[in-house]
Amino acid sequence: MDTNLIKALSKEDRIKLAAMIRRDPELRNAVNGIGGLSESSPYGLLQGTISNKGLAVSGIDVIAKHTDGTEYKAKTNQYGYFTLLLKDGTYTTRSTLDGVEASSETVIVKGKTLTFDHDFGK
């Protein structure tokens, strides 16, 4: 692939491309050169974005609570993106913005990548 084609994109198109790569686990892994998690892995990835009315929100705590009570936390980066490596199991995920908690979502991690996106403005 000719990287000059990507460099020639407008700033807005590069931002859209980066968002698309972050949201598609297979594409993200291909770009990062890791090819995805093994089918027999006892861990999975929980990744996603947090936004407010479509704008990325940085510094938000994303919490995944395992059924055994263990909590795992990640903080969103400047693009509103986060990622957590979690052992297999069932988790309740949540995030908060200015005291407003996103609706909880239950996810089952079993050696694969899952996506959790939330927009506080919707």
Protein backbone atom coordinates (compact mmCIF):
# COMPACT_ATOMS: atom_id res chain seq x y z
CA MET A 1 0.00 0.00 0.00
CA ASP A 2 1.20 3.47 -0.85
CA THR A 3 1.36 5.42 2.43
CA ASN A 4 1.40 8.65 0.43
CA LEU A 5 -2.30 8.03 -0.28
CA ILE A 6 -3.00 8.27 3.44
CA LYS A 7 -0.73 11.27 3.87
CA ALA A 8 -2.60 13.03 1.07
CA LEU A 9 -5.93 12.77 2.91
CA SER A 10 -7.37 15.90 4.51
CA LYS A 11 -7.13 16.22 8.29
CA GLU A 12 -10.85 15.43 8.59
CA ASP A 13 -10.49 12.28 6.46
CA ARG A 14 -7.47 11.13 8.50
CA ILE A 15 -9.51 11.58 11.70
CA LYS A 16 -12.34 9.52 10.18
CA LEU A 17 -9.87 6.82 9.12
CA ALA A 18 -8.33 6.69 12.60
CA ALA A 19 -11.79 6.38 14.18
CA MET A 20 -12.69 3.58 11.79
CA ILE A 21 -9.47 1.72 12.67
CA ARG A 22 -10.11 2.14 16.42
CA ARG A 23 -13.67 0.78 16.12
CA ASP A 24 -12.89 -2.27 13.98
CA PRO A 25 -10.91 -4.80 16.06
CA GLU A 26 -9.67 -6.79 13.06
CA LEU A 27 -8.54 -3.67 11.21
CA ARG A 28 -6.92 -2.26 14.37
CA ASN A 29 -5.00 -5.49 14.93
CA ALA A 30 -3.94 -5.61 11.28
CA VAL A 31 -2.65 -2.02 11.42
CA ASN A 32 -0.82 -2.75 14.68
CA GLY A 33 0.57 -5.96 13.21
CA ILE A 34 -0.67 -8.30 15.93
CA GLY A 35 -3.25 -10.28 14.00
CA GLY A 36 -5.72 -10.66 16.87
CA LEU A 37 -5.90 -12.78 20.00
CA SER A 38 -5.47 -16.53 19.94
CA GLU A 39 -8.71 -18.52 19.89
CA SER A 40 -7.52 -20.35 23.00
CA SER A 41 -6.57 -17.23 24.96
CA PRO A 42 -7.97 -17.04 28.53
CA TYR A 43 -8.17 -13.26 28.09
CA GLY A 44 -10.06 -10.86 25.88
CA LEU A 45 -9.96 -7.18 25.06
CA LEU A 46 -12.68 -4.68 25.93
CA GLN A 47 -12.21 -1.52 23.92
CA GLY A 48 -14.28 1.42 22.84
CA THR A 49 -14.85 5.14 22.86
CA ILE A 50 -16.59 7.58 25.16
CA SER A 51 -18.02 10.77 23.72
CA ASN A 52 -20.41 13.58 24.53
CA LYS A 53 -22.62 14.72 21.66
CA GLY A 54 -20.22 13.11 19.21
CA LEU A 55 -17.07 14.73 20.63
CA ALA A 56 -14.38 12.54 22.20
CA VAL A 57 -14.02 12.88 25.97
CA SER A 58 -10.61 12.26 27.55
CA GLY A 59 -9.86 11.29 31.13
CA ILE A 60 -13.07 9.30 31.69
CA ASP A 61 -12.84 6.24 33.92
CA VAL A 62 -14.26 3.11 32.33
CA ILE A 63 -14.88 0.35 34.85
CA ALA A 64 -15.42 -3.33 34.14
CA LYS A 65 -16.56 -5.26 37.22
CA HIS A 66 -16.17 -9.05 37.13
CA THR A 67 -18.82 -11.24 38.75
CA ASP A 68 -16.24 -12.11 41.44
CA GLY A 69 -16.22 -8.43 42.47
CA THR A 70 -12.85 -7.51 40.95
CA GLU A 71 -12.88 -4.15 39.17
CA TYR A 72 -10.66 -3.21 36.25
CA LYS A 73 -10.30 0.43 35.22
CA ALA A 74 -9.07 2.29 32.18
CA LYS A 75 -9.00 6.00 31.39
CA THR A 76 -9.93 7.35 27.98
CA ASN A 77 -7.18 9.02 25.97
CA GLN A 78 -7.40 12.30 24.05
CA TYR A 79 -9.52 10.55 21.40
CA GLY A 80 -11.98 9.15 23.95
CA TYR A 81 -10.55 5.66 23.35
CA PHE A 82 -9.84 3.05 26.02
CA THR A 83 -8.79 -0.60 26.13
CA LEU A 84 -8.77 -3.23 28.88
CA LEU A 85 -7.23 -6.70 28.86
CA LEU A 86 -9.60 -8.88 30.90
CA LYS A 87 -9.60 -12.51 31.97
CA ASP A 88 -12.49 -14.55 30.61
CA GLY A 89 -15.77 -14.04 32.44
CA THR A 90 -18.84 -11.87 32.80
CA TYR A 91 -18.46 -8.14 33.48
CA THR A 92 -20.68 -5.15 34.10
CA THR A 93 -19.23 -2.06 32.39
CA ARG A 94 -19.87 1.57 33.23
CA SER A 95 -18.41 5.03 32.82
CA THR A 96 -19.24 8.40 34.34
CA LEU A 97 -19.08 12.00 33.14
CA ASP A 98 -19.63 14.83 35.65
CA GLY A 99 -21.42 12.44 37.98
CA VAL A 100 -23.69 11.07 35.23
CA GLU A 101 -23.29 7.31 34.92
CA ALA A 102 -23.74 5.55 31.62
CA SER A 103 -26.23 2.73 31.64
CA SER A 104 -24.56 -0.46 32.72
CA GLU A 105 -23.94 -3.10 30.10
CA THR A 106 -23.13 -6.74 30.76
CA VAL A 107 -20.45 -8.25 28.53
CA ILE A 108 -19.03 -11.75 28.35
CA VAL A 109 -15.31 -11.92 27.66
CA LYS A 110 -14.07 -15.18 26.19
CA GLY A 111 -10.78 -14.83 24.33
CA LYS A 112 -11.99 -12.19 21.87
CA THR A 113 -12.27 -8.44 21.41
CA LEU A 114 -15.46 -6.67 22.42
CA THR A 115 -16.41 -3.05 21.79
CA PHE A 116 -18.17 -0.76 24.28
CA ASP A 117 -18.98 2.71 22.91
CA HIS A 118 -21.04 5.30 24.76
CA ASP A 119 -22.14 8.83 23.92
CA PHE A 120 -23.36 10.78 26.96
CA GLY A 121 -25.13 13.26 24.69
CA LYS A 122 -27.53 10.75 23.16
